[in-house]
Amino acid sequence: MTTALTVVVPVYRMAKHPGRESEVTLTARCLAGGCVWESELTPGDASSGGCESHTATTGHTTFAVTLEYVALVTRE
């Protein structure tokens, strides 16, 4: 008798929940050596505007961008 390995893979469904607690925020920081520029915490993708402005001013083109959101998890 042979037993087959059964793999169970969870399925996650992402849905936008209303309310401030599920707001998406971004921050960005410049990766040019010695530069200490960092954006403020901003909603949505507004931090890309800060990166563009910083690039126009300094010529720096590489940034680390951090996306943060709150996951509201429910089980069905």
PDB file of N, CA and C in Angstrom:
ATOM      1  N   MET A   1       0.834  -1.178   0.000  1.00  0.00           N
ATOM      2  CA  MET A   1       0.000   0.000   0.000  1.00  0.00           C
ATOM      3  C   MET A   1       0.885   1.249   0.000  1.00  0.00           C
ATOM      4  N   THR A   2       0.570   2.189  -0.880  1.00  0.00           N
ATOM      5  CA  THR A   2       1.318   3.429  -0.991  1.00  0.00           C
ATOM      6  C   THR A   2       0.468   4.580  -0.479  1.00  0.00           C
ATOM      7  N   THR A   3       1.096   5.433   0.291  1.00  0.00           N
ATOM      8  CA  THR A   3       0.369   6.624   0.745  1.00  0.00           C
ATOM      9  C   THR A   3       0.925   7.836   0.029  1.00  0.00           C
ATOM     10  N   ALA A   4       0.031   8.605  -0.499  1.00  0.00           N
ATOM     11  CA  ALA A   4       0.423   9.819  -1.215  1.00  0.00           C
ATOM     12  C   ALA A   4       0.482  10.984  -0.236  1.00  0.00           C
ATOM     13  N   LEU A   5       1.444  11.825  -0.452  1.00  0.00           N
ATOM     14  CA  LEU A   5       1.582  13.033   0.351  1.00  0.00           C
ATOM     15  C   LEU A   5       0.530  14.039  -0.088  1.00  0.00           C
ATOM     16  N   THR A   6      -0.241  14.539   0.847  1.00  0.00           N
ATOM     17  CA  THR A   6      -1.265  15.530   0.542  1.00  0.00           C
ATOM     18  C   THR A   6      -0.776  16.889   1.029  1.00  0.00           C
ATOM     19  N   VAL A   7      -0.792  17.849   0.135  1.00  0.00           N
ATOM     20  CA  VAL A   7      -0.369  19.191   0.490  1.00  0.00           C
ATOM     21  C   VAL A   7      -1.588  20.097   0.498  1.00  0.00           C
ATOM     22  N   VAL A   8      -1.773  20.799   1.597  1.00  0.00           N
ATOM     23  CA  VAL A   8      -2.880  21.738   1.722  1.00  0.00           C
ATOM     24  C   VAL A   8      -2.307  23.138   1.601  1.00  0.00           C
ATOM     25  N   VAL A   9      -2.836  23.899   0.648  1.00  0.00           N
ATOM     26  CA  VAL A   9      -2.361  25.261   0.418  1.00  0.00           C
ATOM     27  C   VAL A   9      -3.483  26.233   0.754  1.00  0.00           C
ATOM     28  N   PRO A  10      -3.233  27.148   1.707  1.00  0.00           N
ATOM     29  CA  PRO A  10      -4.280  28.114   2.035  1.00  0.00           C
ATOM     30  C   PRO A  10      -4.473  29.109   0.898  1.00  0.00           C
ATOM     31  N   VAL A  11      -5.691  29.607   0.767  1.00  0.00           N
ATOM     32  CA  VAL A  11      -6.001  30.616  -0.242  1.00  0.00           C
ATOM     33  C   VAL A  11      -6.334  31.908   0.489  1.00  0.00           C
ATOM     34  N   TYR A  12      -5.651  32.962   0.105  1.00  0.00           N
ATOM     35  CA  TYR A  12      -5.891  34.264   0.718  1.00  0.00           C
ATOM     36  C   TYR A  12      -6.559  35.169  -0.295  1.00  0.00           C
ATOM     37  N   ARG A  13      -7.635  35.806   0.118  1.00  0.00           N
ATOM     38  CA  ARG A  13      -8.319  36.758  -0.742  1.00  0.00           C
ATOM     39  C   ARG A  13      -8.109  38.143  -0.156  1.00  0.00           C
ATOM     40  N   MET A  14      -7.618  39.044  -0.973  1.00  0.00           N
ATOM     41  CA  MET A  14      -7.377  40.405  -0.520  1.00  0.00           C
ATOM     42  C   MET A  14      -8.539  41.282  -0.958  1.00  0.00           C
ATOM     43  N   ALA A  15      -9.094  42.009  -0.025  1.00  0.00           N
ATOM     44  CA  ALA A  15     -10.178  42.946  -0.328  1.00  0.00           C
ATOM     45  C   ALA A  15      -9.929  44.222   0.458  1.00  0.00           C
ATOM     46  N   LYS A  16     -10.182  45.340  -0.168  1.00  0.00           N
ATOM     47  CA  LYS A  16     -10.017  46.633   0.495  1.00  0.00           C
ATOM     48  C   LYS A  16     -11.136  46.822   1.508  1.00  0.00           C
ATOM     49  N   HIS A  17     -10.764  47.016   2.753  1.00  0.00           N
ATOM     50  CA  HIS A  17     -11.746  47.263   3.800  1.00  0.00           C
ATOM     51  C   HIS A  17     -11.892  48.771   3.997  1.00  0.00           C
ATOM     52  N   PRO A  18     -13.093  49.235   4.218  1.00  0.00           N
ATOM     53  CA  PRO A  18     -13.270  50.662   4.464  1.00  0.00           C
ATOM     54  C   PRO A  18     -12.708  51.031   5.839  1.00  0.00           C
ATOM     55  N   GLY A  19     -12.335  52.247   5.985  1.00  0.00           N
ATOM     56  CA  GLY A  19     -11.887  52.714   7.294  1.00  0.00           C
ATOM     57  C   GLY A  19     -10.416  53.062   7.313  1.00  0.00           C
ATOM     58  N   ARG A  20     -10.055  53.960   8.193  1.00  0.00           N
ATOM     59  CA  ARG A  20      -8.678  54.448   8.311  1.00  0.00           C
ATOM     60  C   ARG A  20      -7.709  53.341   8.701  1.00  0.00           C
ATOM     61  N   GLU A  21      -8.168  52.356   9.448  1.00  0.00           N
ATOM     62  CA  GLU A  21      -7.258  51.312   9.924  1.00  0.00           C
ATOM     63  C   GLU A  21      -6.651  50.473   8.799  1.00  0.00           C
ATOM     64  N   SER A  22      -7.225  50.565   7.605  1.00  0.00           N
ATOM     65  CA  SER A  22      -6.685  49.788   6.489  1.00  0.00           C
ATOM     66  C   SER A  22      -5.978  50.666   5.462  1.00  0.00           C
ATOM     67  N   GLU A  23      -5.610  51.884   5.837  1.00  0.00           N
ATOM     68  CA  GLU A  23      -4.945  52.807   4.926  1.00  0.00           C
ATOM     69  C   GLU A  23      -3.557  52.291   4.534  1.00  0.00           C
ATOM     70  N   VAL A  24      -3.226  52.447   3.259  1.00  0.00           N
ATOM     71  CA  VAL A  24      -1.906  52.082   2.756  1.00  0.00           C
ATOM     72  C   VAL A  24      -0.993  53.295   2.883  1.00  0.00           C
ATOM     73  N   THR A  25       0.195  53.105   3.446  1.00  0.00           N
ATOM     74  CA  THR A  25       1.148  54.199   3.581  1.00  0.00           C
ATOM     75  C   THR A  25       2.505  53.792   3.013  1.00  0.00           C
ATOM     76  N   LEU A  26       3.269  54.794   2.586  1.00  0.00           N
ATOM     77  CA  LEU A  26       4.597  54.578   2.022  1.00  0.00           C
ATOM     78  C   LEU A  26       5.606  55.517   2.653  1.00  0.00           C
ATOM     79  N   THR A  27       6.828  55.058   2.729  1.00  0.00           N
ATOM     80  CA  THR A  27       7.956  55.912   3.052  1.00  0.00           C
ATOM     81  C   THR A  27       9.060  55.593   2.051  1.00  0.00           C
ATOM     82  N   ALA A  28       9.945  56.538   1.842  1.00  0.00           N
ATOM     83  CA  ALA A  28      11.064  56.315   0.925  1.00  0.00           C
ATOM     84  C   ALA A  28      12.309  56.956   1.511  1.00  0.00           C
ATOM     85  N   ARG A  29      13.469  56.373   1.199  1.00  0.00           N
ATOM     86  CA  ARG A  29      14.736  56.977   1.602  1.00  0.00           C
ATOM     87  C   ARG A  29      15.736  56.835   0.472  1.00  0.00           C
ATOM     88  N   CYS A  30      16.588  57.807   0.354  1.00  0.00           N
ATOM     89  CA  CYS A  30      17.583  57.845  -0.711  1.00  0.00           C
ATOM     90  C   CYS A  30      18.721  56.876  -0.382  1.00  0.00           C
ATOM     91  N   LEU A  31      19.167  56.130  -1.382  1.00  0.00           N
ATOM     92  CA  LEU A  31      20.252  55.173  -1.187  1.00  0.00           C
ATOM     93  C   LEU A  31      21.601  55.675  -1.697  1.00  0.00           C
ATOM     94  N   ALA A  32      21.653  56.931  -2.141  1.00  0.00           N
ATOM     95  CA  ALA A  32      22.935  57.488  -2.573  1.00  0.00           C
ATOM     96  C   ALA A  32      23.848  57.591  -1.355  1.00  0.00           C
ATOM     97  N   GLY A  33      25.099  57.179  -1.508  1.00  0.00           N
ATOM     98  CA  GLY A  33      26.037  57.162  -0.386  1.00  0.00           C
ATOM     99  C   GLY A  33      26.131  58.503   0.320  1.00  0.00           C
ATOM    100  N   GLY A  34      25.908  58.505   1.628  1.00  0.00           N
ATOM    101  CA  GLY A  34      26.018  59.722   2.423  1.00  0.00           C
ATOM    102  C   GLY A  34      24.774  60.583   2.465  1.00  0.00           C
ATOM    103  N   CYS A  35      23.796  60.333   1.612  1.00  0.00           N
ATOM    104  CA  CYS A  35      22.571  61.135   1.607  1.00  0.00           C
ATOM    105  C   CYS A  35      21.634  60.642   2.702  1.00  0.00           C
ATOM    106  N   VAL A  36      21.064  61.549   3.441  1.00  0.00           N
ATOM    107  CA  VAL A  36      20.180  61.183   4.551  1.00  0.00           C
ATOM    108  C   VAL A  36      18.717  61.542   4.281  1.00  0.00           C
ATOM    109  N   TRP A  37      18.371  61.865   3.003  1.00  0.00           N
ATOM    110  CA  TRP A  37      17.001  62.249   2.685  1.00  0.00           C
ATOM    111  C   TRP A  37      16.056  61.082   2.927  1.00  0.00           C
ATOM    112  N   GLU A  38      14.921  61.392   3.549  1.00  0.00           N
ATOM    113  CA  GLU A  38      13.871  60.403   3.777  1.00  0.00           C
ATOM    114  C   GLU A  38      12.525  61.108   3.683  1.00  0.00           C
ATOM    115  N   SER A  39      11.570  60.477   3.031  1.00  0.00           N
ATOM    116  CA  SER A  39      10.245  61.091   2.897  1.00  0.00           C
ATOM    117  C   SER A  39       9.469  60.949   4.189  1.00  0.00           C
ATOM    118  N   GLU A  40       8.459  61.766   4.318  1.00  0.00           N
ATOM    119  CA  GLU A  40       7.511  61.625   5.424  1.00  0.00           C
ATOM    120  C   GLU A  40       6.606  60.428   5.117  1.00  0.00           C
ATOM    121  N   LEU A  41       5.961  59.888   6.130  1.00  0.00           N
ATOM    122  CA  LEU A  41       4.973  58.837   5.943  1.00  0.00           C
ATOM    123  C   LEU A  41       3.813  59.427   5.152  1.00  0.00           C
ATOM    124  N   THR A  42       3.487  58.839   3.997  1.00  0.00           N
ATOM    125  CA  THR A  42       2.460  59.401   3.133  1.00  0.00           C
ATOM    126  C   THR A  42       1.435  58.342   2.742  1.00  0.00           C
ATOM    127  N   PRO A  43       0.181  58.744   2.530  1.00  0.00           N
ATOM    128  CA  PRO A  43      -0.829  57.792   2.076  1.00  0.00           C
ATOM    129  C   PRO A  43      -0.657  57.461   0.597  1.00  0.00           C
ATOM    130  N   GLY A  44      -1.046  56.249   0.226  1.00  0.00           N
ATOM    131  CA  GLY A  44      -1.015  55.833  -1.184  1.00  0.00           C
ATOM    132  C   GLY A  44       0.368  55.873  -1.774  1.00  0.00           C
ATOM    133  N   ASP A  45       0.493  56.326  -3.012  1.00  0.00           N
ATOM    134  CA  ASP A  45       1.804  56.362  -3.666  1.00  0.00           C
ATOM    135  C   ASP A  45       2.373  57.780  -3.746  1.00  0.00           C
ATOM    136  N   ALA A  46       1.984  58.642  -2.814  1.00  0.00           N
ATOM    137  CA  ALA A  46       2.421  60.037  -2.824  1.00  0.00           C
ATOM    138  C   ALA A  46       3.924  60.185  -2.610  1.00  0.00           C
ATOM    139  N   SER A  47       4.579  59.187  -2.009  1.00  0.00           N
ATOM    140  CA  SER A  47       6.015  59.322  -1.758  1.00  0.00           C
ATOM    141  C   SER A  47       6.823  59.317  -3.044  1.00  0.00           C
ATOM    142  N   SER A  48       6.268  58.784  -4.129  1.00  0.00           N
ATOM    143  CA  SER A  48       7.001  58.821  -5.392  1.00  0.00           C
ATOM    144  C   SER A  48       7.223  60.266  -5.829  1.00  0.00           C
ATOM    145  N   GLY A  49       6.307  61.154  -5.493  1.00  0.00           N
ATOM    146  CA  GLY A  49       6.479  62.577  -5.788  1.00  0.00           C
ATOM    147  C   GLY A  49       7.663  63.153  -5.035  1.00  0.00           C
ATOM    148  N   GLY A  50       7.857  62.721  -3.815  1.00  0.00           N
ATOM    149  CA  GLY A  50       9.015  63.158  -3.045  1.00  0.00           C
ATOM    150  C   GLY A  50      10.308  62.653  -3.657  1.00  0.00           C
ATOM    151  N   CYS A  51      10.302  61.422  -4.154  1.00  0.00           N
ATOM    152  CA  CYS A  51      11.483  60.856  -4.816  1.00  0.00           C
ATOM    153  C   CYS A  51      11.802  61.650  -6.078  1.00  0.00           C
ATOM    154  N   GLU A  52      10.771  61.974  -6.846  1.00  0.00           N
ATOM    155  CA  GLU A  52      10.979  62.741  -8.082  1.00  0.00           C
ATOM    156  C   GLU A  52      11.559  64.116  -7.780  1.00  0.00           C
ATOM    157  N   SER A  53      11.055  64.757  -6.759  1.00  0.00           N
ATOM    158  CA  SER A  53      11.540  66.071  -6.369  1.00  0.00           C
ATOM    159  C   SER A  53      13.000  65.985  -5.903  1.00  0.00           C
ATOM    160  N   HIS A  54      13.306  64.961  -5.104  1.00  0.00           N
ATOM    161  CA  HIS A  54      14.670  64.773  -4.608  1.00  0.00           C
ATOM    162  C   HIS A  54      15.625  64.500  -5.777  1.00  0.00           C
ATOM    163  N   THR A  55      15.199  63.701  -6.738  1.00  0.00           N
ATOM    164  CA  THR A  55      16.030  63.415  -7.909  1.00  0.00           C
ATOM    165  C   THR A  55      16.285  64.691  -8.707  1.00  0.00           C
ATOM    166  N   ALA A  56      15.251  65.492  -8.888  1.00  0.00           N
ATOM    167  CA  ALA A  56      15.401  66.740  -9.642  1.00  0.00           C
ATOM    168  C   ALA A  56      16.389  67.679  -8.953  1.00  0.00           C
ATOM    169  N   THR A  57      16.384  67.688  -7.638  1.00  0.00           N
ATOM    170  CA  THR A  57      17.251  68.584  -6.877  1.00  0.00           C
ATOM    171  C   THR A  57      18.692  68.082  -6.794  1.00  0.00           C
ATOM    172  N   THR A  58      18.854  66.754  -6.615  1.00  0.00           N
ATOM    173  CA  THR A  58      20.184  66.209  -6.310  1.00  0.00           C
ATOM    174  C   THR A  58      20.790  65.336  -7.410  1.00  0.00           C
ATOM    175  N   GLY A  59      19.940  64.789  -8.294  1.00  0.00           N
ATOM    176  CA  GLY A  59      20.422  63.830  -9.286  1.00  0.00           C
ATOM    177  C   GLY A  59      20.468  62.404  -8.760  1.00  0.00           C
ATOM    178  N   HIS A  60      20.115  62.195  -7.493  1.00  0.00           N
ATOM    179  CA  HIS A  60      20.093  60.846  -6.920  1.00  0.00           C
ATOM    180  C   HIS A  60      18.909  60.077  -7.510  1.00  0.00           C
ATOM    181  N   THR A  61      19.126  58.826  -7.879  1.00  0.00           N
ATOM    182  CA  THR A  61      18.075  58.086  -8.599  1.00  0.00           C
ATOM    183  C   THR A  61      17.652  56.775  -7.947  1.00  0.00           C
ATOM    184  N   THR A  62      18.257  56.389  -6.839  1.00  0.00           N
ATOM    185  CA  THR A  62      17.940  55.096  -6.239  1.00  0.00           C
ATOM    186  C   THR A  62      17.370  55.289  -4.839  1.00  0.00           C
ATOM    187  N   PHE A  63      16.211  54.663  -4.595  1.00  0.00           N
ATOM    188  CA  PHE A  63      15.503  54.821  -3.328  1.00  0.00           C
ATOM    189  C   PHE A  63      15.027  53.476  -2.808  1.00  0.00           C
ATOM    190  N   ALA A  64      14.945  53.361  -1.500  1.00  0.00           N
ATOM    191  CA  ALA A  64      14.291  52.222  -0.866  1.00  0.00           C
ATOM    192  C   ALA A  64      12.894  52.698  -0.483  1.00  0.00           C
ATOM    193  N   VAL A  65      11.872  52.029  -0.977  1.00  0.00           N
ATOM    194  CA  VAL A  65      10.491  52.421  -0.699  1.00  0.00           C
ATOM    195  C   VAL A  65       9.843  51.321   0.135  1.00  0.00           C
ATOM    196  N   THR A  66       9.213  51.705   1.225  1.00  0.00           N
ATOM    197  CA  THR A  66       8.553  50.760   2.114  1.00  0.00           C
ATOM    198  C   THR A  66       7.053  50.971   2.067  1.00  0.00           C
ATOM    199  N   LEU A  67       6.334  49.910   1.765  1.00  0.00           N
ATOM    200  CA  LEU A  67       4.872  49.919   1.723  1.00  0.00           C
ATOM    201  C   LEU A  67       4.371  49.283   3.012  1.00  0.00           C
ATOM    202  N   GLU A  68       3.404  49.916   3.632  1.00  0.00           N
ATOM    203  CA  GLU A  68       2.831  49.357   4.858  1.00  0.00           C
ATOM    204  C   GLU A  68       1.313  49.452   4.810  1.00  0.00           C
ATOM    205  N   TYR A  69       0.672  48.405   5.240  1.00  0.00           N
ATOM    206  CA  TYR A  69      -0.774  48.415   5.365  1.00  0.00           C
ATOM    207  C   TYR A  69      -1.181  47.488   6.473  1.00  0.00           C
ATOM    208  N   VAL A  70      -2.392  47.648   6.957  1.00  0.00           N
ATOM    209  CA  VAL A  70      -2.929  46.793   8.005  1.00  0.00           C
ATOM    210  C   VAL A  70      -3.762  45.717   7.343  1.00  0.00           C
ATOM    211  N   ALA A  71      -3.484  44.475   7.665  1.00  0.00           N
ATOM    212  CA  ALA A  71      -4.264  43.362   7.121  1.00  0.00           C
ATOM    213  C   ALA A  71      -5.351  42.995   8.136  1.00  0.00           C
ATOM    214  N   LEU A  72      -6.583  43.050   7.683  1.00  0.00           N
ATOM    215  CA  LEU A  72      -7.717  42.638   8.520  1.00  0.00           C
ATOM    216  C   LEU A  72      -8.085  41.217   8.076  1.00  0.00           C
ATOM    217  N   VAL A  73      -7.784  40.247   8.909  1.00  0.00           N
ATOM    218  CA  VAL A  73      -7.921  38.845   8.530  1.00  0.00           C
ATOM    219  C   VAL A  73      -9.193  38.262   9.142  1.00  0.00           C
ATOM    220  N   THR A  74      -9.994  37.614   8.298  1.00  0.00           N
ATOM    221  CA  THR A  74     -11.198  36.926   8.763  1.00  0.00           C
ATOM    222  C   THR A  74     -11.145  35.486   8.265  1.00  0.00           C
ATOM    223  N   ARG A  75     -11.716  34.598   9.021  1.00  0.00           N
ATOM    224  CA  ARG A  75     -11.761  33.186   8.618  1.00  0.00           C
ATOM    225  C   ARG A  75     -13.192  32.837   8.261  1.00  0.00           C
ATOM    226  N   GLU A  76     -13.318  32.109   7.169  1.00  0.00           N
ATOM    227  CA  GLU A  76     -14.656  31.696   6.745  1.00  0.00           C
ATOM    228  C   GLU A  76     -14.896  30.253   7.101  1.00  0.00           C
TER     229      GLU A  76
END
